[in-house]
Amino acid sequence: MIPAQELDRALVMLKTIWYALAGSLVMYVIAIPFFLRDRTLTLAAETYEELRVLLYLAAGLTLAASWLTRRLLLAGKASPPKTKESRSRQHPMIQRYTTAMIVALAMCEAIAIYGLVLFLLGKNQIDLVLLTALAAAGMLGFFPKKPELIDLAKKYARNN
């Protein structure tokens, strides 16, 4: 089982990462349009529409892939085989949970970046807001949860 102090320390670190990434989503929607309102990039309308469809499809696939990737990482099915003992002082399930969370959050962050790219190319703030909202919804689902981490540690203890 994970000592309470180690568990609390890990959750503080994970929540800090989560809040930092969530804060960047706010920056995409508020600060970027403000600072770049006078900049223009030219792109043919047809090319922009093709890119827009492609990035919306990519956003949906990325969100689904983030959920699947997180599940696989938490189950240990996507981890490379261990060749030697880890030197980390963290409990193995905290390491696994941290990795899964960071990967899933980074994939959600990519969705917001798709919206940012569309905004920069087409000045359509709706694309920016919609894709950032989709990223935020995904990130809300990946908020670090103490009971989830405790359950993973219990499963780990039963299997080892």
C-alpha atoms as a PDB file:
ATOM      1  CA  MET A   1       0.000   0.000   0.000  1.00  0.00           C
ATOM      2  CA  ILE A   2       1.115   3.563  -0.607  1.00  0.00           C
ATOM      3  CA  PRO A   3       1.985   5.568   2.519  1.00  0.00           C
ATOM      4  CA  ALA A   4      -0.451   8.462   3.036  1.00  0.00           C
ATOM      5  CA  GLN A   5       2.278  11.113   2.886  1.00  0.00           C
ATOM      6  CA  GLU A   6       3.637   9.777  -0.425  1.00  0.00           C
ATOM      7  CA  LEU A   7       0.107   9.588  -1.839  1.00  0.00           C
ATOM      8  CA  ASP A   8      -0.679  13.170  -0.826  1.00  0.00           C
ATOM      9  CA  ARG A   9       2.633  14.452  -2.217  1.00  0.00           C
ATOM     10  CA  ALA A  10       1.989  12.688  -5.540  1.00  0.00           C
ATOM     11  CA  LEU A  11      -1.530  14.089  -5.790  1.00  0.00           C
ATOM     12  CA  VAL A  12      -0.300  17.632  -5.131  1.00  0.00           C
ATOM     13  CA  MET A  13       2.247  17.243  -7.934  1.00  0.00           C
ATOM     14  CA  LEU A  14      -0.350  15.768 -10.315  1.00  0.00           C
ATOM     15  CA  LYS A  15      -2.906  18.471  -9.540  1.00  0.00           C
ATOM     16  CA  THR A  16      -0.257  21.145 -10.107  1.00  0.00           C
ATOM     17  CA  ILE A  17       0.448  19.694 -13.549  1.00  0.00           C
ATOM     18  CA  TRP A  18      -3.282  19.488 -14.271  1.00  0.00           C
ATOM     19  CA  TYR A  19      -3.917  23.116 -13.251  1.00  0.00           C
ATOM     20  CA  ALA A  20      -0.940  24.350 -15.291  1.00  0.00           C
ATOM     21  CA  LEU A  21      -2.196  22.627 -18.418  1.00  0.00           C
ATOM     22  CA  ALA A  22      -5.779  23.760 -17.802  1.00  0.00           C
ATOM     23  CA  GLY A  23      -4.470  27.307 -17.362  1.00  0.00           C
ATOM     24  CA  SER A  24      -2.836  27.148 -20.759  1.00  0.00           C
ATOM     25  CA  LEU A  25      -6.254  26.411 -22.276  1.00  0.00           C
ATOM     26  CA  VAL A  26      -7.559  29.638 -20.769  1.00  0.00           C
ATOM     27  CA  MET A  27      -4.588  31.472 -22.233  1.00  0.00           C
ATOM     28  CA  TYR A  28      -5.338  30.064 -25.704  1.00  0.00           C
ATOM     29  CA  VAL A  29      -8.888  31.400 -25.632  1.00  0.00           C
ATOM     30  CA  ILE A  30      -8.257  34.769 -23.985  1.00  0.00           C
ATOM     31  CA  ALA A  31      -4.673  35.951 -24.444  1.00  0.00           C
ATOM     32  CA  ILE A  32      -3.766  34.627 -27.888  1.00  0.00           C
ATOM     33  CA  PRO A  33      -6.718  36.243 -29.731  1.00  0.00           C
ATOM     34  CA  PHE A  34      -6.056  39.505 -27.903  1.00  0.00           C
ATOM     35  CA  PHE A  35      -2.360  39.677 -28.776  1.00  0.00           C
ATOM     36  CA  LEU A  36      -2.718  38.365 -32.323  1.00  0.00           C
ATOM     37  CA  ARG A  37      -5.908  40.196 -33.347  1.00  0.00           C
ATOM     38  CA  ASP A  38      -4.102  42.322 -35.968  1.00  0.00           C
ATOM     39  CA  ARG A  39      -1.959  39.557 -37.464  1.00  0.00           C
ATOM     40  CA  THR A  40      -3.068  37.924 -40.671  1.00  0.00           C
ATOM     41  CA  LEU A  41      -1.958  34.769 -42.379  1.00  0.00           C
ATOM     42  CA  THR A  42      -3.197  34.011 -45.842  1.00  0.00           C
ATOM     43  CA  LEU A  43      -4.519  30.612 -46.736  1.00  0.00           C
ATOM     44  CA  ALA A  44      -6.866  29.718 -49.570  1.00  0.00           C
ATOM     45  CA  ALA A  45     -10.447  29.221 -48.332  1.00  0.00           C
ATOM     46  CA  GLU A  46     -10.626  25.735 -49.816  1.00  0.00           C
ATOM     47  CA  THR A  47      -7.363  24.709 -48.161  1.00  0.00           C
ATOM     48  CA  TYR A  48      -8.528  26.136 -44.856  1.00  0.00           C
ATOM     49  CA  GLU A  49     -11.803  24.170 -45.006  1.00  0.00           C
ATOM     50  CA  GLU A  50      -9.937  20.935 -45.770  1.00  0.00           C
ATOM     51  CA  LEU A  51      -7.552  21.569 -42.894  1.00  0.00           C
ATOM     52  CA  ARG A  52     -10.469  22.448 -40.635  1.00  0.00           C
ATOM     53  CA  VAL A  53     -12.250  19.139 -41.342  1.00  0.00           C
ATOM     54  CA  LEU A  54      -9.011  17.241 -40.900  1.00  0.00           C
ATOM     55  CA  LEU A  55      -8.235  18.882 -37.549  1.00  0.00           C
ATOM     56  CA  TYR A  56     -11.762  18.327 -36.221  1.00  0.00           C
ATOM     57  CA  LEU A  57     -11.465  14.632 -37.133  1.00  0.00           C
ATOM     58  CA  ALA A  58      -8.015  14.538 -35.558  1.00  0.00           C
ATOM     59  CA  ALA A  59      -9.436  16.139 -32.405  1.00  0.00           C
ATOM     60  CA  GLY A  60     -12.080  13.436 -32.043  1.00  0.00           C
ATOM     61  CA  LEU A  61      -9.556  10.686 -32.668  1.00  0.00           C
ATOM     62  CA  THR A  62      -7.070  12.268 -30.274  1.00  0.00           C
ATOM     63  CA  LEU A  63      -9.665  12.428 -27.511  1.00  0.00           C
ATOM     64  CA  ALA A  64     -10.593   8.771 -28.007  1.00  0.00           C
ATOM     65  CA  ALA A  65      -6.921   7.798 -28.196  1.00  0.00           C
ATOM     66  CA  SER A  66      -6.147   9.685 -24.968  1.00  0.00           C
ATOM     67  CA  TRP A  67      -8.772   7.652 -23.112  1.00  0.00           C
ATOM     68  CA  LEU A  68      -7.525   4.365 -24.587  1.00  0.00           C
ATOM     69  CA  THR A  69      -3.861   5.206 -24.020  1.00  0.00           C
ATOM     70  CA  ARG A  70      -4.521   6.129 -20.397  1.00  0.00           C
ATOM     71  CA  ARG A  71      -6.378   2.856 -19.819  1.00  0.00           C
ATOM     72  CA  LEU A  72      -3.573   0.824 -21.373  1.00  0.00           C
ATOM     73  CA  LEU A  73      -0.903   2.644 -19.378  1.00  0.00           C
ATOM     74  CA  LEU A  74      -2.797   2.216 -16.104  1.00  0.00           C
ATOM     75  CA  ALA A  75      -3.312  -1.488 -16.816  1.00  0.00           C
ATOM     76  CA  GLY A  76       0.405  -1.862 -17.520  1.00  0.00           C
ATOM     77  CA  LYS A  77      -0.297  -3.166 -21.029  1.00  0.00           C
ATOM     78  CA  ALA A  78       1.466  -0.298 -22.789  1.00  0.00           C
ATOM     79  CA  SER A  79       4.547  -0.305 -20.577  1.00  0.00           C
ATOM     80  CA  PRO A  80       7.863  -1.615 -21.836  1.00  0.00           C
ATOM     81  CA  PRO A  81       9.078  -4.801 -20.158  1.00  0.00           C
ATOM     82  CA  LYS A  82      11.166  -4.121 -17.078  1.00  0.00           C
ATOM     83  CA  THR A  83      14.764  -5.040 -17.569  1.00  0.00           C
ATOM     84  CA  LYS A  84      16.046  -3.809 -14.251  1.00  0.00           C
ATOM     85  CA  GLU A  85      14.796  -2.427 -10.974  1.00  0.00           C
ATOM     86  CA  SER A  86      13.593   1.176 -10.976  1.00  0.00           C
ATOM     87  CA  ARG A  87      15.716   3.672  -9.050  1.00  0.00           C
ATOM     88  CA  SER A  88      12.751   5.913  -8.296  1.00  0.00           C
ATOM     89  CA  ARG A  89      11.676   6.260  -4.690  1.00  0.00           C
ATOM     90  CA  GLN A  90       8.052   6.516  -5.743  1.00  0.00           C
ATOM     91  CA  HIS A  91       5.613   3.651  -5.464  1.00  0.00           C
ATOM     92  CA  PRO A  92       5.351   1.890  -8.875  1.00  0.00           C
ATOM     93  CA  MET A  93       1.639   2.742  -9.161  1.00  0.00           C
ATOM     94  CA  ILE A  94       2.326   6.432  -8.575  1.00  0.00           C
ATOM     95  CA  GLN A  95       4.864   6.259 -11.401  1.00  0.00           C
ATOM     96  CA  ARG A  96       2.369   4.512 -13.677  1.00  0.00           C
ATOM     97  CA  TYR A  97      -0.485   6.871 -12.746  1.00  0.00           C
ATOM     98  CA  THR A  98       1.721   9.930 -13.309  1.00  0.00           C
ATOM     99  CA  THR A  99       2.829   8.688 -16.713  1.00  0.00           C
ATOM    100  CA  ALA A 100      -0.715   7.855 -17.790  1.00  0.00           C
ATOM    101  CA  MET A 101      -2.029  11.210 -16.631  1.00  0.00           C
ATOM    102  CA  ILE A 102       0.688  13.282 -18.287  1.00  0.00           C
ATOM    103  CA  VAL A 103       0.319  11.441 -21.597  1.00  0.00           C
ATOM    104  CA  ALA A 104      -3.498  11.774 -21.581  1.00  0.00           C
ATOM    105  CA  LEU A 105      -3.350  15.459 -20.636  1.00  0.00           C
ATOM    106  CA  ALA A 106      -0.777  16.172 -23.338  1.00  0.00           C
ATOM    107  CA  MET A 107      -3.055  14.543 -25.898  1.00  0.00           C
ATOM    108  CA  CYS A 108      -5.944  16.743 -24.717  1.00  0.00           C
ATOM    109  CA  GLU A 109      -3.701  19.784 -24.907  1.00  0.00           C
ATOM    110  CA  ALA A 110      -2.989  18.891 -28.547  1.00  0.00           C
ATOM    111  CA  ILE A 111      -6.717  19.220 -29.274  1.00  0.00           C
ATOM    112  CA  ALA A 112      -6.648  22.818 -28.046  1.00  0.00           C
ATOM    113  CA  ILE A 113      -3.562  23.447 -30.170  1.00  0.00           C
ATOM    114  CA  TYR A 114      -5.546  22.258 -33.222  1.00  0.00           C
ATOM    115  CA  GLY A 115      -8.055  25.007 -32.419  1.00  0.00           C
ATOM    116  CA  LEU A 116      -5.263  27.509 -31.993  1.00  0.00           C
ATOM    117  CA  VAL A 117      -3.840  26.590 -35.410  1.00  0.00           C
ATOM    118  CA  LEU A 118      -7.260  27.035 -37.012  1.00  0.00           C
ATOM    119  CA  PHE A 119      -7.669  30.378 -35.291  1.00  0.00           C
ATOM    120  CA  LEU A 120      -4.276  31.590 -36.471  1.00  0.00           C
ATOM    121  CA  LEU A 121      -4.975  30.519 -40.040  1.00  0.00           C
ATOM    122  CA  GLY A 122      -8.610  31.525 -40.356  1.00  0.00           C
ATOM    123  CA  LYS A 123      -9.305  34.004 -37.538  1.00  0.00           C
ATOM    124  CA  ASN A 124     -12.376  31.929 -36.643  1.00  0.00           C
ATOM    125  CA  GLN A 125     -12.628  32.190 -32.874  1.00  0.00           C
ATOM    126  CA  ILE A 126     -15.400  29.575 -32.807  1.00  0.00           C
ATOM    127  CA  ASP A 127     -12.910  26.886 -33.860  1.00  0.00           C
ATOM    128  CA  LEU A 128     -10.585  27.975 -31.073  1.00  0.00           C
ATOM    129  CA  VAL A 129     -13.338  27.938 -28.444  1.00  0.00           C
ATOM    130  CA  LEU A 130     -14.912  24.641 -29.562  1.00  0.00           C
ATOM    131  CA  LEU A 131     -11.681  22.682 -29.723  1.00  0.00           C
ATOM    132  CA  THR A 132     -10.412  24.211 -26.489  1.00  0.00           C
ATOM    133  CA  ALA A 133     -13.705  23.290 -24.805  1.00  0.00           C
ATOM    134  CA  LEU A 134     -13.338  19.727 -26.107  1.00  0.00           C
ATOM    135  CA  ALA A 135      -9.804  19.629 -24.697  1.00  0.00           C
ATOM    136  CA  ALA A 136     -11.029  20.989 -21.358  1.00  0.00           C
ATOM    137  CA  ALA A 137     -13.796  18.366 -21.203  1.00  0.00           C
ATOM    138  CA  GLY A 138     -11.226  15.646 -21.795  1.00  0.00           C
ATOM    139  CA  MET A 139      -8.935  17.114 -19.153  1.00  0.00           C
ATOM    140  CA  LEU A 140     -11.780  17.228 -16.616  1.00  0.00           C
ATOM    141  CA  GLY A 141     -12.157  13.493 -17.086  1.00  0.00           C
ATOM    142  CA  PHE A 142      -8.472  13.019 -16.310  1.00  0.00           C
ATOM    143  CA  PHE A 143      -8.353  15.102 -13.120  1.00  0.00           C
ATOM    144  CA  PRO A 144      -6.192  13.222 -10.545  1.00  0.00           C
ATOM    145  CA  LYS A 145      -8.378  11.194  -8.190  1.00  0.00           C
ATOM    146  CA  LYS A 146      -7.142   9.827  -4.881  1.00  0.00           C
ATOM    147  CA  PRO A 147      -9.607   6.869  -4.796  1.00  0.00           C
ATOM    148  CA  GLU A 148      -8.538   5.861  -8.300  1.00  0.00           C
ATOM    149  CA  LEU A 149      -4.877   5.835  -7.286  1.00  0.00           C
ATOM    150  CA  ILE A 150      -5.647   3.885  -4.102  1.00  0.00           C
ATOM    151  CA  ASP A 151      -7.582   1.272  -6.106  1.00  0.00           C
ATOM    152  CA  LEU A 152      -4.666   0.907  -8.513  1.00  0.00           C
ATOM    153  CA  ALA A 153      -2.266   0.437  -5.590  1.00  0.00           C
ATOM    154  CA  LYS A 154      -4.533  -2.254  -4.115  1.00  0.00           C
ATOM    155  CA  LYS A 155      -4.635  -4.133  -7.435  1.00  0.00           C
ATOM    156  CA  TYR A 156      -0.853  -3.836  -7.659  1.00  0.00           C
ATOM    157  CA  ALA A 157      -0.443  -5.217  -4.113  1.00  0.00           C
ATOM    158  CA  ARG A 158      -2.724  -8.187  -4.888  1.00  0.00           C
ATOM    159  CA  ASN A 159      -0.762  -9.046  -8.033  1.00  0.00           C
ATOM    160  CA  ASN A 160       2.736  -8.686  -6.546  1.00  0.00           C
END
